[in-house]
Amino acid sequence: MLVLKNIGVTFDGGTSIGSTILNGINLRVCGGEFVIIIGGNGAGKTTLFNVISGLLRPTTGQVMLDGKDMAKIPAHERSQYVARVVQNTMAGTMCNLTIFENLAFAFTRGKRRKLLPYSTSARRKIFAEKLESLGIGLEKRMNATVASLSGGQRQAIGLLMSVLAPSKILLLDEITAALDPKISDSVMALANKIIVAEGRTTLMITHNMAHATAYGDRMLLLANSHFQREFSGPEKEALTPSELAKVFGEV
């Protein structure tokens, strides 16, 4: 379980021009739950993800993951607990390496990497099966460089890399924002397929109102430094993108 306890983040807090980004953030996310987070530009969504992943120490509060304080986990060990996919389709992959080489690197995330041959037939078989499950033919292109792929294909590889190794939390940060609408919908459907199949506890930031209403178990609206609204159950299921946009515009 992920528990956020009274999270606050203030930059330059010791000056008269200090800026409070997050204030009084409390949240419980159960195992296997898929939570959507929406909010305007500058609302603090990515800052919140930086806090959850341990990249940023909060000014106040704690991030507890299965009873462990994330702030006390060494940086080199955090990848065992939190996997993250970002908006930039180039950022989550190594473009000059092949698809196979990228997957091989992700496969050992959080483990001690050794100077041993990685191109084993057993590992290649695992990767081919994972790639085939995406349904976009990349299992036939394992020796192609990631630089030769389209934006949507790169994001699909990034998603697969994020779940190849075990982790407690999957963070999806605007993963479709850099894609055209048709590819965006395909990547989002693929992400949901992976989340459901893996049973990963997931938090996703999105500005796409259609994706926000169609996916996830519940949705939180972040504004004015804290969560303003929560939508879950029948209320979320009945919510349309236009209705959500109206609520979004009222905060």
C-alpha atoms as a PDB file:
ATOM      1  CA  MET A   1       0.000   0.000   0.000  1.00  0.00           C
ATOM      2  CA  LEU A   2       1.146   3.531  -0.810  1.00  0.00           C
ATOM      3  CA  VAL A   3       0.374   6.089   1.897  1.00  0.00           C
ATOM      4  CA  LEU A   4       1.029   9.817   1.634  1.00  0.00           C
ATOM      5  CA  LYS A   5       0.901  11.540   5.015  1.00  0.00           C
ATOM      6  CA  ASN A   6       0.427  15.312   5.083  1.00  0.00           C
ATOM      7  CA  ILE A   7       2.800  15.919   2.162  1.00  0.00           C
ATOM      8  CA  GLY A   8       3.896  19.507   1.689  1.00  0.00           C
ATOM      9  CA  VAL A   9       6.450  20.967  -0.723  1.00  0.00           C
ATOM     10  CA  THR A  10       7.620  24.567  -0.514  1.00  0.00           C
ATOM     11  CA  PHE A  11      10.443  25.924  -2.657  1.00  0.00           C
ATOM     12  CA  ASP A  12      12.589  28.733  -1.195  1.00  0.00           C
ATOM     13  CA  GLY A  13      10.564  28.325   1.982  1.00  0.00           C
ATOM     14  CA  GLY A  14      13.010  30.370   3.994  1.00  0.00           C
ATOM     15  CA  THR A  15      12.426  33.528   1.973  1.00  0.00           C
ATOM     16  CA  SER A  16       9.625  36.041   1.554  1.00  0.00           C
ATOM     17  CA  ILE A  17       9.015  34.737  -1.988  1.00  0.00           C
ATOM     18  CA  GLY A  18       8.633  31.094  -1.019  1.00  0.00           C
ATOM     19  CA  SER A  19       6.208  29.120  -3.185  1.00  0.00           C
ATOM     20  CA  THR A  20       4.009  26.348  -1.790  1.00  0.00           C
ATOM     21  CA  ILE A  21       3.489  23.685  -4.466  1.00  0.00           C
ATOM     22  CA  LEU A  22       1.826  20.997  -2.349  1.00  0.00           C
ATOM     23  CA  ASN A  23       0.120  21.360   1.016  1.00  0.00           C
ATOM     24  CA  GLY A  24      -1.616  18.767   3.173  1.00  0.00           C
ATOM     25  CA  ILE A  25      -1.619  15.956   0.610  1.00  0.00           C
ATOM     26  CA  ASN A  26      -3.020  12.750   2.096  1.00  0.00           C
ATOM     27  CA  LEU A  27      -3.649   9.639   0.028  1.00  0.00           C
ATOM     28  CA  ARG A  28      -3.947   5.866   0.364  1.00  0.00           C
ATOM     29  CA  VAL A  29      -3.546   3.678  -2.705  1.00  0.00           C
ATOM     30  CA  CYS A  30      -4.239  -0.016  -2.263  1.00  0.00           C
ATOM     31  CA  GLY A  31      -2.399  -2.793  -4.045  1.00  0.00           C
ATOM     32  CA  GLY A  32      -3.524  -3.190  -7.657  1.00  0.00           C
ATOM     33  CA  GLU A  33      -5.445   0.100  -7.680  1.00  0.00           C
ATOM     34  CA  PHE A  34      -5.265   2.418 -10.724  1.00  0.00           C
ATOM     35  CA  VAL A  35      -5.555   6.089  -9.741  1.00  0.00           C
ATOM     36  CA  ILE A  36      -5.844   8.984 -12.214  1.00  0.00           C
ATOM     37  CA  ILE A  37      -4.566  12.444 -11.236  1.00  0.00           C
ATOM     38  CA  ILE A  38      -5.628  15.542 -13.156  1.00  0.00           C
ATOM     39  CA  GLY A  39      -4.866  19.217 -12.656  1.00  0.00           C
ATOM     40  CA  GLY A  40      -3.800  22.347 -14.501  1.00  0.00           C
ATOM     41  CA  ASN A  41      -0.271  23.293 -15.513  1.00  0.00           C
ATOM     42  CA  GLY A  42       1.757  24.116 -12.418  1.00  0.00           C
ATOM     43  CA  ALA A  43      -0.655  22.350 -10.068  1.00  0.00           C
ATOM     44  CA  GLY A  44       2.154  20.196  -8.694  1.00  0.00           C
ATOM     45  CA  LYS A  45       1.372  16.850 -10.328  1.00  0.00           C
ATOM     46  CA  THR A  46       4.915  16.065 -11.458  1.00  0.00           C
ATOM     47  CA  THR A  47       6.270  17.409  -8.166  1.00  0.00           C
ATOM     48  CA  LEU A  48       4.006  14.901  -6.420  1.00  0.00           C
ATOM     49  CA  PHE A  49       5.425  12.088  -8.557  1.00  0.00           C
ATOM     50  CA  ASN A  50       8.959  13.249  -7.743  1.00  0.00           C
ATOM     51  CA  VAL A  51       8.080  12.999  -4.053  1.00  0.00           C
ATOM     52  CA  ILE A  52       6.544   9.531  -4.432  1.00  0.00           C
ATOM     53  CA  SER A  53       9.564   8.240  -6.367  1.00  0.00           C
ATOM     54  CA  GLY A  54      11.988   9.651  -3.811  1.00  0.00           C
ATOM     55  CA  LEU A  55      13.613  12.120  -6.197  1.00  0.00           C
ATOM     56  CA  LEU A  56      12.374  15.025  -4.074  1.00  0.00           C
ATOM     57  CA  ARG A  57      12.238  15.109  -0.303  1.00  0.00           C
ATOM     58  CA  PRO A  58       9.007  16.788   0.853  1.00  0.00           C
ATOM     59  CA  THR A  59       9.172  19.822   3.104  1.00  0.00           C
ATOM     60  CA  THR A  60       6.667  18.126   5.398  1.00  0.00           C
ATOM     61  CA  GLY A  61       5.110  14.685   5.628  1.00  0.00           C
ATOM     62  CA  GLN A  62       6.055  11.127   4.692  1.00  0.00           C
ATOM     63  CA  VAL A  63       5.714   8.737   1.780  1.00  0.00           C
ATOM     64  CA  MET A  64       5.207   5.209   3.088  1.00  0.00           C
ATOM     65  CA  LEU A  65       5.309   2.223   0.768  1.00  0.00           C
ATOM     66  CA  ASP A  66       4.323  -1.057   2.425  1.00  0.00           C
ATOM     67  CA  GLY A  67       5.411   0.471   5.720  1.00  0.00           C
ATOM     68  CA  LYS A  68       8.774   1.736   4.450  1.00  0.00           C
ATOM     69  CA  ASP A  69       9.642   5.441   4.440  1.00  0.00           C
ATOM     70  CA  MET A  70      10.742   6.214   0.860  1.00  0.00           C
ATOM     71  CA  ALA A  71      12.967   9.073   2.077  1.00  0.00           C
ATOM     72  CA  LYS A  72      15.110   6.533   3.932  1.00  0.00           C
ATOM     73  CA  ILE A  73      15.612   4.215   0.955  1.00  0.00           C
ATOM     74  CA  PRO A  74      18.947   4.845  -0.857  1.00  0.00           C
ATOM     75  CA  ALA A  75      18.575   6.278  -4.364  1.00  0.00           C
ATOM     76  CA  HIS A  76      20.137   3.220  -6.042  1.00  0.00           C
ATOM     77  CA  GLU A  77      17.511   0.959  -4.432  1.00  0.00           C
ATOM     78  CA  ARG A  78      14.389   2.986  -5.264  1.00  0.00           C
ATOM     79  CA  SER A  79      13.986   1.479  -8.742  1.00  0.00           C
ATOM     80  CA  GLN A  80      13.073  -1.779  -7.011  1.00  0.00           C
ATOM     81  CA  TYR A  81      10.012  -0.021  -5.619  1.00  0.00           C
ATOM     82  CA  VAL A  82       8.953   2.577  -8.190  1.00  0.00           C
ATOM     83  CA  ALA A  83       8.911   2.421 -11.996  1.00  0.00           C
ATOM     84  CA  ARG A  84       8.114   5.516 -14.042  1.00  0.00           C
ATOM     85  CA  VAL A  85       7.219   6.376 -17.639  1.00  0.00           C
ATOM     86  CA  VAL A  86       7.362  10.031 -18.719  1.00  0.00           C
ATOM     87  CA  GLN A  87       5.937  12.185 -21.506  1.00  0.00           C
ATOM     88  CA  ASN A  88       9.129  12.381 -23.565  1.00  0.00           C
ATOM     89  CA  THR A  89       9.192   9.205 -25.659  1.00  0.00           C
ATOM     90  CA  MET A  90      12.978   9.514 -25.997  1.00  0.00           C
ATOM     91  CA  ALA A  91      13.636   9.773 -22.258  1.00  0.00           C
ATOM     92  CA  GLY A  92      12.661   6.282 -21.145  1.00  0.00           C
ATOM     93  CA  THR A  93      14.724   4.404 -23.708  1.00  0.00           C
ATOM     94  CA  MET A  94      18.290   4.357 -25.045  1.00  0.00           C
ATOM     95  CA  CYS A  95      17.744   5.270 -28.665  1.00  0.00           C
ATOM     96  CA  ASN A  96      21.055   4.068 -30.083  1.00  0.00           C
ATOM     97  CA  LEU A  97      20.606   0.604 -28.622  1.00  0.00           C
ATOM     98  CA  THR A  98      18.378  -2.118 -30.033  1.00  0.00           C
ATOM     99  CA  ILE A  99      14.981  -3.052 -28.677  1.00  0.00           C
ATOM    100  CA  PHE A 100      16.529  -6.209 -27.258  1.00  0.00           C
ATOM    101  CA  GLU A 101      19.342  -4.278 -25.545  1.00  0.00           C
ATOM    102  CA  ASN A 102      16.863  -1.838 -23.999  1.00  0.00           C
ATOM    103  CA  LEU A 103      14.742  -4.685 -22.653  1.00  0.00           C
ATOM    104  CA  ALA A 104      17.832  -6.491 -21.342  1.00  0.00           C
ATOM    105  CA  PHE A 105      18.825  -3.371 -19.399  1.00  0.00           C
ATOM    106  CA  ALA A 106      15.320  -2.941 -17.949  1.00  0.00           C
ATOM    107  CA  PHE A 107      15.124  -6.641 -17.088  1.00  0.00           C
ATOM    108  CA  THR A 108      17.921  -6.215 -14.532  1.00  0.00           C
ATOM    109  CA  ARG A 109      16.596  -2.980 -13.004  1.00  0.00           C
ATOM    110  CA  GLY A 110      17.098  -3.022  -9.255  1.00  0.00           C
ATOM    111  CA  LYS A 111      19.436  -6.017  -9.498  1.00  0.00           C
ATOM    112  CA  ARG A 112      23.211  -6.172  -9.448  1.00  0.00           C
ATOM    113  CA  ARG A 113      24.312  -6.005 -13.072  1.00  0.00           C
ATOM    114  CA  LYS A 114      27.139  -8.343 -14.027  1.00  0.00           C
ATOM    115  CA  LEU A 115      29.562  -8.432 -16.926  1.00  0.00           C
ATOM    116  CA  LEU A 116      28.021 -11.575 -18.335  1.00  0.00           C
ATOM    117  CA  PRO A 117      26.543 -12.305 -21.783  1.00  0.00           C
ATOM    118  CA  TYR A 118      22.988 -10.987 -21.850  1.00  0.00           C
ATOM    119  CA  SER A 119      21.919 -12.294 -25.247  1.00  0.00           C
ATOM    120  CA  THR A 120      20.774 -15.708 -24.087  1.00  0.00           C
ATOM    121  CA  SER A 121      18.133 -17.688 -25.937  1.00  0.00           C
ATOM    122  CA  ALA A 122      16.011 -17.931 -22.787  1.00  0.00           C
ATOM    123  CA  ARG A 123      15.982 -14.171 -22.316  1.00  0.00           C
ATOM    124  CA  ARG A 124      15.289 -13.578 -26.007  1.00  0.00           C
ATOM    125  CA  LYS A 125      12.290 -15.903 -25.754  1.00  0.00           C
ATOM    126  CA  ILE A 126      10.932 -13.979 -22.742  1.00  0.00           C
ATOM    127  CA  PHE A 127      11.293 -10.660 -24.542  1.00  0.00           C
ATOM    128  CA  ALA A 128       9.691 -11.991 -27.733  1.00  0.00           C
ATOM    129  CA  GLU A 129       6.651 -13.149 -25.742  1.00  0.00           C
ATOM    130  CA  LYS A 130       6.362  -9.791 -23.971  1.00  0.00           C
ATOM    131  CA  LEU A 131       6.685  -7.876 -27.233  1.00  0.00           C
ATOM    132  CA  GLU A 132       4.138 -10.117 -28.933  1.00  0.00           C
ATOM    133  CA  SER A 133       1.655  -9.358 -26.151  1.00  0.00           C
ATOM    134  CA  LEU A 134       1.741  -5.686 -27.231  1.00  0.00           C
ATOM    135  CA  GLY A 135       0.182  -6.710 -30.532  1.00  0.00           C
ATOM    136  CA  ILE A 136       2.150  -4.257 -32.700  1.00  0.00           C
ATOM    137  CA  GLY A 137       4.704  -6.583 -34.308  1.00  0.00           C
ATOM    138  CA  LEU A 138       7.807  -5.446 -32.437  1.00  0.00           C
ATOM    139  CA  GLU A 139       8.735  -9.030 -31.556  1.00  0.00           C
ATOM    140  CA  LYS A 140       9.957  -9.279 -35.161  1.00  0.00           C
ATOM    141  CA  ARG A 141      12.193  -6.225 -34.798  1.00  0.00           C
ATOM    142  CA  MET A 142      14.224  -6.943 -31.673  1.00  0.00           C
ATOM    143  CA  ASN A 143      17.485  -6.081 -33.437  1.00  0.00           C
ATOM    144  CA  ALA A 144      16.200  -2.685 -34.658  1.00  0.00           C
ATOM    145  CA  THR A 145      17.446   0.408 -32.845  1.00  0.00           C
ATOM    146  CA  VAL A 146      14.879   2.291 -30.793  1.00  0.00           C
ATOM    147  CA  ALA A 147      15.789   5.426 -32.779  1.00  0.00           C
ATOM    148  CA  SER A 148      14.189   3.808 -35.840  1.00  0.00           C
ATOM    149  CA  LEU A 149      10.788   3.467 -34.136  1.00  0.00           C
ATOM    150  CA  SER A 150       7.846   5.854 -34.187  1.00  0.00           C
ATOM    151  CA  GLY A 151       6.913   7.860 -31.097  1.00  0.00           C
ATOM    152  CA  GLY A 152       4.074   5.488 -30.277  1.00  0.00           C
ATOM    153  CA  GLN A 153       6.298   2.437 -30.661  1.00  0.00           C
ATOM    154  CA  ARG A 154       8.973   3.998 -28.432  1.00  0.00           C
ATOM    155  CA  GLN A 155       6.378   4.712 -25.760  1.00  0.00           C
ATOM    156  CA  ALA A 156       5.161   1.114 -26.013  1.00  0.00           C
ATOM    157  CA  ILE A 157       8.739  -0.072 -25.432  1.00  0.00           C
ATOM    158  CA  GLY A 158       9.021   2.344 -22.493  1.00  0.00           C
ATOM    159  CA  LEU A 159       5.860   0.898 -20.970  1.00  0.00           C
ATOM    160  CA  LEU A 160       7.099  -2.650 -21.381  1.00  0.00           C
ATOM    161  CA  MET A 161      10.479  -1.730 -19.886  1.00  0.00           C
ATOM    162  CA  SER A 162       8.736  -0.241 -16.846  1.00  0.00           C
ATOM    163  CA  VAL A 163       7.079  -3.562 -15.952  1.00  0.00           C
ATOM    164  CA  LEU A 164       9.773  -6.072 -16.973  1.00  0.00           C
ATOM    165  CA  ALA A 165      11.215  -6.033 -13.460  1.00  0.00           C
ATOM    166  CA  PRO A 166       9.091  -6.195 -10.298  1.00  0.00           C
ATOM    167  CA  SER A 167       8.119  -2.914  -8.629  1.00  0.00           C
ATOM    168  CA  LYS A 168       5.566  -1.788  -6.061  1.00  0.00           C
ATOM    169  CA  ILE A 169       4.326   1.328  -7.878  1.00  0.00           C
ATOM    170  CA  LEU A 170       4.051   2.344 -11.534  1.00  0.00           C
ATOM    171  CA  LEU A 171       3.956   6.090 -12.249  1.00  0.00           C
ATOM    172  CA  LEU A 172       2.700   7.235 -15.671  1.00  0.00           C
ATOM    173  CA  ASP A 173       3.426  10.921 -16.231  1.00  0.00           C
ATOM    174  CA  GLU A 174       1.566  12.313 -19.280  1.00  0.00           C
ATOM    175  CA  ILE A 175       2.593   9.295 -21.355  1.00  0.00           C
ATOM    176  CA  THR A 176       0.378  10.210 -24.342  1.00  0.00           C
ATOM    177  CA  ALA A 177       0.829  13.999 -24.380  1.00  0.00           C
ATOM    178  CA  ALA A 178       3.521  13.968 -27.083  1.00  0.00           C
ATOM    179  CA  LEU A 179       1.559  11.700 -29.433  1.00  0.00           C
ATOM    180  CA  ASP A 180      -1.088  12.428 -32.052  1.00  0.00           C
ATOM    181  CA  PRO A 181      -4.696  11.589 -31.016  1.00  0.00           C
ATOM    182  CA  LYS A 182      -4.984   8.231 -32.763  1.00  0.00           C
ATOM    183  CA  ILE A 183      -1.632   6.948 -31.499  1.00  0.00           C
ATOM    184  CA  SER A 184      -2.406   8.446 -28.096  1.00  0.00           C
ATOM    185  CA  ASP A 185      -5.541   6.330 -27.766  1.00  0.00           C
ATOM    186  CA  SER A 186      -3.674   3.196 -28.868  1.00  0.00           C
ATOM    187  CA  VAL A 187      -0.871   3.727 -26.352  1.00  0.00           C
ATOM    188  CA  MET A 188      -3.370   4.403 -23.553  1.00  0.00           C
ATOM    189  CA  ALA A 189      -5.283   1.226 -24.353  1.00  0.00           C
ATOM    190  CA  LEU A 190      -1.984  -0.653 -24.382  1.00  0.00           C
ATOM    191  CA  ALA A 191      -0.977   0.849 -21.025  1.00  0.00           C
ATOM    192  CA  ASN A 192      -4.284  -0.228 -19.497  1.00  0.00           C
ATOM    193  CA  LYS A 193      -3.846  -3.719 -20.911  1.00  0.00           C
ATOM    194  CA  ILE A 194      -0.425  -3.997 -19.270  1.00  0.00           C
ATOM    195  CA  ILE A 195      -1.662  -2.578 -15.948  1.00  0.00           C
ATOM    196  CA  VAL A 196      -4.569  -5.021 -15.793  1.00  0.00           C
ATOM    197  CA  ALA A 197      -2.461  -8.007 -16.866  1.00  0.00           C
ATOM    198  CA  GLU A 198       0.333  -7.199 -14.396  1.00  0.00           C
ATOM    199  CA  GLY A 199      -1.974  -6.088 -11.577  1.00  0.00           C
ATOM    200  CA  ARG A 200       0.366  -3.141 -10.982  1.00  0.00           C
ATOM    201  CA  THR A 201      -0.513  -0.439  -8.495  1.00  0.00           C
ATOM    202  CA  THR A 202      -0.552   2.592 -10.782  1.00  0.00           C
ATOM    203  CA  LEU A 203      -0.878   6.366 -10.598  1.00  0.00           C
ATOM    204  CA  MET A 204      -1.291   8.274 -13.847  1.00  0.00           C
ATOM    205  CA  ILE A 205      -1.167  11.993 -14.621  1.00  0.00           C
ATOM    206  CA  THR A 206      -3.114  13.089 -17.693  1.00  0.00           C
ATOM    207  CA  HIS A 207      -4.620  16.180 -19.304  1.00  0.00           C
ATOM    208  CA  ASN A 208      -6.707  14.000 -21.613  1.00  0.00           C
ATOM    209  CA  MET A 209     -10.276  14.201 -20.279  1.00  0.00           C
ATOM    210  CA  ALA A 210     -11.400  11.181 -22.320  1.00  0.00           C
ATOM    211  CA  HIS A 211      -8.621   9.023 -20.891  1.00  0.00           C
ATOM    212  CA  ALA A 212      -9.261  10.342 -17.380  1.00  0.00           C
ATOM    213  CA  THR A 213     -12.907   9.295 -17.493  1.00  0.00           C
ATOM    214  CA  ALA A 214     -12.416   6.006 -19.360  1.00  0.00           C
ATOM    215  CA  TYR A 215      -9.604   4.509 -17.289  1.00  0.00           C
ATOM    216  CA  GLY A 216      -8.709   3.982 -13.662  1.00  0.00           C
ATOM    217  CA  ASP A 217     -10.565   3.005 -10.509  1.00  0.00           C
ATOM    218  CA  ARG A 218     -10.782   6.553  -9.189  1.00  0.00           C
ATOM    219  CA  MET A 219      -9.690  10.053 -10.104  1.00  0.00           C
ATOM    220  CA  LEU A 220      -8.289  12.950  -8.071  1.00  0.00           C
ATOM    221  CA  LEU A 221      -8.287  16.623  -9.037  1.00  0.00           C
ATOM    222  CA  LEU A 222      -5.200  18.487  -7.811  1.00  0.00           C
ATOM    223  CA  ALA A 223      -5.556  22.271  -7.553  1.00  0.00           C
ATOM    224  CA  ASN A 224      -4.468  25.035  -5.185  1.00  0.00           C
ATOM    225  CA  SER A 225      -1.787  22.772  -3.689  1.00  0.00           C
ATOM    226  CA  HIS A 226      -4.095  19.955  -2.578  1.00  0.00           C
ATOM    227  CA  PHE A 227      -6.684  17.453  -3.782  1.00  0.00           C
ATOM    228  CA  GLN A 228      -9.947  19.320  -4.417  1.00  0.00           C
ATOM    229  CA  ARG A 229     -12.207  16.538  -5.678  1.00  0.00           C
ATOM    230  CA  GLU A 230     -12.317  12.762  -5.876  1.00  0.00           C
ATOM    231  CA  PHE A 231     -14.401  10.749  -8.318  1.00  0.00           C
ATOM    232  CA  SER A 232     -14.888   7.021  -7.820  1.00  0.00           C
ATOM    233  CA  GLY A 233     -17.416   4.239  -8.227  1.00  0.00           C
ATOM    234  CA  PRO A 234     -20.662   5.034 -10.068  1.00  0.00           C
ATOM    235  CA  GLU A 235     -19.881   8.773 -10.082  1.00  0.00           C
ATOM    236  CA  LYS A 236     -16.682   8.236 -12.074  1.00  0.00           C
ATOM    237  CA  GLU A 237     -18.287   5.671 -14.356  1.00  0.00           C
ATOM    238  CA  ALA A 238     -21.046   8.130 -15.276  1.00  0.00           C
ATOM    239  CA  LEU A 239     -18.717  11.096 -15.718  1.00  0.00           C
ATOM    240  CA  THR A 240     -18.269  12.307 -19.309  1.00  0.00           C
ATOM    241  CA  PRO A 241     -15.212  14.165 -20.666  1.00  0.00           C
ATOM    242  CA  SER A 242     -17.281  17.342 -21.143  1.00  0.00           C
ATOM    243  CA  GLU A 243     -18.613  17.198 -17.570  1.00  0.00           C
ATOM    244  CA  LEU A 244     -15.095  16.672 -16.237  1.00  0.00           C
ATOM    245  CA  ALA A 245     -13.807  19.597 -18.290  1.00  0.00           C
ATOM    246  CA  LYS A 246     -16.494  21.766 -16.723  1.00  0.00           C
ATOM    247  CA  VAL A 247     -15.457  20.724 -13.192  1.00  0.00           C
ATOM    248  CA  PHE A 248     -11.843  21.274 -14.170  1.00  0.00           C
ATOM    249  CA  GLY A 249     -12.616  24.807 -15.233  1.00  0.00           C
ATOM    250  CA  GLU A 250     -14.405  25.665 -11.979  1.00  0.00           C
ATOM    251  CA  VAL A 251     -11.408  25.180  -9.666  1.00  0.00           C
END
